[in-house]
C-alpha atoms as a PDB file:
ATOM      1  CA  MET A   1      -2.318 -33.805 -33.275  1.00  0.00           C
ATOM      2  CA  PRO A   2      -5.835 -32.962 -31.647  1.00  0.00           C
ATOM      3  CA  ARG A   3      -7.701 -30.294 -32.893  1.00  0.00           C
ATOM      4  CA  LEU A   4     -10.073 -27.871 -30.928  1.00  0.00           C
ATOM      5  CA  ARG A   5     -12.958 -28.176 -33.539  1.00  0.00           C
ATOM      6  CA  GLU A   6     -13.136 -31.674 -33.862  1.00  0.00           C
ATOM      7  CA  THR A   7     -12.779 -32.447 -30.224  1.00  0.00           C
ATOM      8  CA  ALA A   8     -15.183 -29.882 -29.178  1.00  0.00           C
ATOM      9  CA  ALA A   9     -17.909 -31.319 -31.649  1.00  0.00           C
ATOM     10  CA  ASP A  10     -17.290 -34.994 -30.056  1.00  0.00           C
ATOM     11  CA  TYR A  11     -17.676 -33.287 -26.773  1.00  0.00           C
ATOM     12  CA  LEU A  12     -20.921 -31.346 -27.790  1.00  0.00           C
ATOM     13  CA  ASN A  13     -22.363 -34.557 -29.328  1.00  0.00           C
ATOM     14  CA  ARG A  14     -21.644 -36.598 -26.022  1.00  0.00           C
ATOM     15  CA  LEU A  15     -23.354 -33.728 -23.945  1.00  0.00           C
ATOM     16  CA  GLU A  16     -26.342 -33.937 -26.264  1.00  0.00           C
ATOM     17  CA  GLY A  17     -26.387 -37.886 -26.234  1.00  0.00           C
ATOM     18  CA  ARG A  18     -26.619 -37.831 -22.301  1.00  0.00           C
ATOM     19  CA  GLY A  19     -29.509 -35.385 -22.180  1.00  0.00           C
ATOM     20  CA  SER A  20     -27.927 -32.167 -21.152  1.00  0.00           C
ATOM     21  CA  SER A  21     -30.057 -29.227 -21.591  1.00  0.00           C
ATOM     22  CA  PRO A  22     -30.140 -27.505 -24.989  1.00  0.00           C
ATOM     23  CA  HIS A  23     -29.504 -24.397 -23.270  1.00  0.00           C
ATOM     24  CA  THR A  24     -26.272 -25.791 -21.849  1.00  0.00           C
ATOM     25  CA  VAL A  25     -25.262 -27.229 -25.357  1.00  0.00           C
ATOM     26  CA  ARG A  26     -26.181 -24.071 -27.169  1.00  0.00           C
ATOM     27  CA  ASN A  27     -23.979 -21.894 -24.860  1.00  0.00           C
ATOM     28  CA  TYR A  28     -21.010 -24.351 -24.889  1.00  0.00           C
ATOM     29  CA  THR A  29     -21.195 -24.244 -28.538  1.00  0.00           C
ATOM     30  CA  ILE A  30     -20.970 -20.620 -28.673  1.00  0.00           C
ATOM     31  CA  ASP A  31     -18.044 -20.481 -26.181  1.00  0.00           C
ATOM     32  CA  LEU A  32     -16.153 -23.313 -28.065  1.00  0.00           C
ATOM     33  CA  ARG A  33     -16.580 -21.565 -31.339  1.00  0.00           C
ATOM     34  CA  GLU A  34     -15.395 -18.264 -29.917  1.00  0.00           C
ATOM     35  CA  LEU A  35     -12.423 -20.078 -28.402  1.00  0.00           C
ATOM     36  CA  ALA A  36     -11.536 -21.895 -31.741  1.00  0.00           C
ATOM     37  CA  GLU A  37     -11.738 -18.636 -33.750  1.00  0.00           C
ATOM     38  CA  TYR A  38      -9.586 -16.870 -31.223  1.00  0.00           C
ATOM     39  CA  LEU A  39      -7.055 -19.683 -31.174  1.00  0.00           C
ATOM     40  CA  ASP A  40      -7.156 -19.510 -35.098  1.00  0.00           C
ATOM     41  CA  GLY A  41      -6.120 -15.999 -34.804  1.00  0.00           C
ATOM     42  CA  GLU A  42      -3.083 -16.841 -32.749  1.00  0.00           C
ATOM     43  CA  GLN A  43      -2.297 -19.584 -35.329  1.00  0.00           C
ATOM     44  CA  ILE A  44      -2.958 -22.418 -32.496  1.00  0.00           C
ATOM     45  CA  TYR A  45      -4.434 -25.464 -34.087  1.00  0.00           C
ATOM     46  CA  ASP A  46      -3.278 -28.205 -31.842  1.00  0.00           C
ATOM     47  CA  LEU A  47      -4.685 -28.811 -28.141  1.00  0.00           C
ATOM     48  CA  ASN A  48      -1.495 -29.874 -26.866  1.00  0.00           C
ATOM     49  CA  VAL A  49       0.111 -26.410 -27.284  1.00  0.00           C
ATOM     50  CA  ILE A  50      -2.639 -24.563 -25.571  1.00  0.00           C
ATOM     51  CA  THR A  51      -1.517 -22.723 -22.316  1.00  0.00           C
ATOM     52  CA  PRO A  52      -3.063 -20.887 -19.487  1.00  0.00           C
ATOM     53  CA  ARG A  53      -1.492 -17.702 -21.408  1.00  0.00           C
ATOM     54  CA  HIS A  54      -3.675 -18.499 -24.281  1.00  0.00           C
ATOM     55  CA  LEU A  55      -6.793 -18.771 -22.162  1.00  0.00           C
ATOM     56  CA  ARG A  56      -6.210 -15.725 -20.341  1.00  0.00           C
ATOM     57  CA  GLY A  57      -5.824 -14.015 -23.762  1.00  0.00           C
ATOM     58  CA  PHE A  58      -8.970 -15.341 -24.617  1.00  0.00           C
ATOM     59  CA  MET A  59     -10.886 -14.220 -21.722  1.00  0.00           C
ATOM     60  CA  ALA A  60      -9.120 -10.856 -21.970  1.00  0.00           C
ATOM     61  CA  ALA A  61     -10.275 -10.534 -25.658  1.00  0.00           C
ATOM     62  CA  ARG A  62     -13.950 -11.495 -24.550  1.00  0.00           C
ATOM     63  CA  LEU A  63     -13.863  -8.826 -21.879  1.00  0.00           C
ATOM     64  CA  ALA A  64     -12.532  -6.074 -24.180  1.00  0.00           C
ATOM     65  CA  GLN A  65     -15.439  -6.915 -26.490  1.00  0.00           C
ATOM     66  CA  GLY A  66     -17.688  -5.881 -23.658  1.00  0.00           C
ATOM     67  CA  ASN A  67     -18.770  -9.289 -22.176  1.00  0.00           C
ATOM     68  CA  SER A  68     -19.255  -9.162 -18.338  1.00  0.00           C
ATOM     69  CA  LYS A  69     -16.632 -10.800 -15.927  1.00  0.00           C
ATOM     70  CA  VAL A  70     -19.507 -13.220 -15.157  1.00  0.00           C
ATOM     71  CA  THR A  71     -20.065 -14.136 -18.787  1.00  0.00           C
ATOM     72  CA  VAL A  72     -16.590 -14.756 -19.395  1.00  0.00           C
ATOM     73  CA  ALA A  73     -15.943 -16.791 -16.266  1.00  0.00           C
END
């Protein structure tokens, strides 16, 4: 069962390894951490069961927190 946090950490390490901007890596880290926290609250731990509905819910939650549409997109 692939888990988001471990998969995200691997992805972020690859980004760093190929010379991505520290700004990009930092922002992706924040976004992926917030997504993981949202999915934990939904009791979703397996990447294979994430649906577009979950991602829309995450985006709606970020908008409700006051993030702009540009930030959320």
